[in-house]
Amino acid sequence: MFLKIGHRGAKGLEPENTLRSFSKAIDFRVDMIEFDVCLTKDKKVVVIHDDKLDRTTNGRGLVKEKNLKEIKKLYAGKKERIPTLEETLDLVAKRVKVNIELKGEETAESVSKIIDKYVKNKKWPLGYFFVSSFNYQELKDFKKFQPEVKLGIVAEDKKTDFLKAANQLRAFSINLPM
């Protein structure tokens, strides 16, 4: 079985990791959308790939050094703003599954709490969530909070024994670099 996954939404057609990009990916009938999350200075979960704002926005500096109010003033292309995890999940509205990649440090607990909220209050099936990261400690931490959510190891270097790490985490997948 093959899954059609919108990497950062419809990256290449719309500004990556934006609501516009996710909408376009859903229009293309993907099975899942992959996106990246980091924490702001005030511990809000925002959807952005890089830890720096420079490449994908009109801002400068580190995401973790800005509060959500500052982040929301920035543009990510085509008048799109950086969405929060909640805004992204509200847009997706259970139409596709989501692969949340934990990019920033200390994201595991915050993402877990948001998933809890969507499962309990918005009736999302737990199986609609998939969490991946290159940061194995974040995945270990996340597993403590959400042992039933499928995990994926993002392979970044050739020195790591990915099979061993996947077995230790009981990971669902190893996501290889392109």
Foldseek 3Di string as FASTA:
>chain_A
DDFFECEQAVPPVFQGVFLVSVVVNVVVVGQEYEWEWEAALVGFIWTDDDQFPPPQWPDGDGRNDHHPVVQQVIDRPPRTGTGTPVVNCVSCLQSHAYEYEYDYPPCQVVVLVVLVCCCPPVVHPLASYEYEYCPLVSLVSNCVSPVPHAYEYEDDDPPDPVVVSCVVSVHPYYHYDD
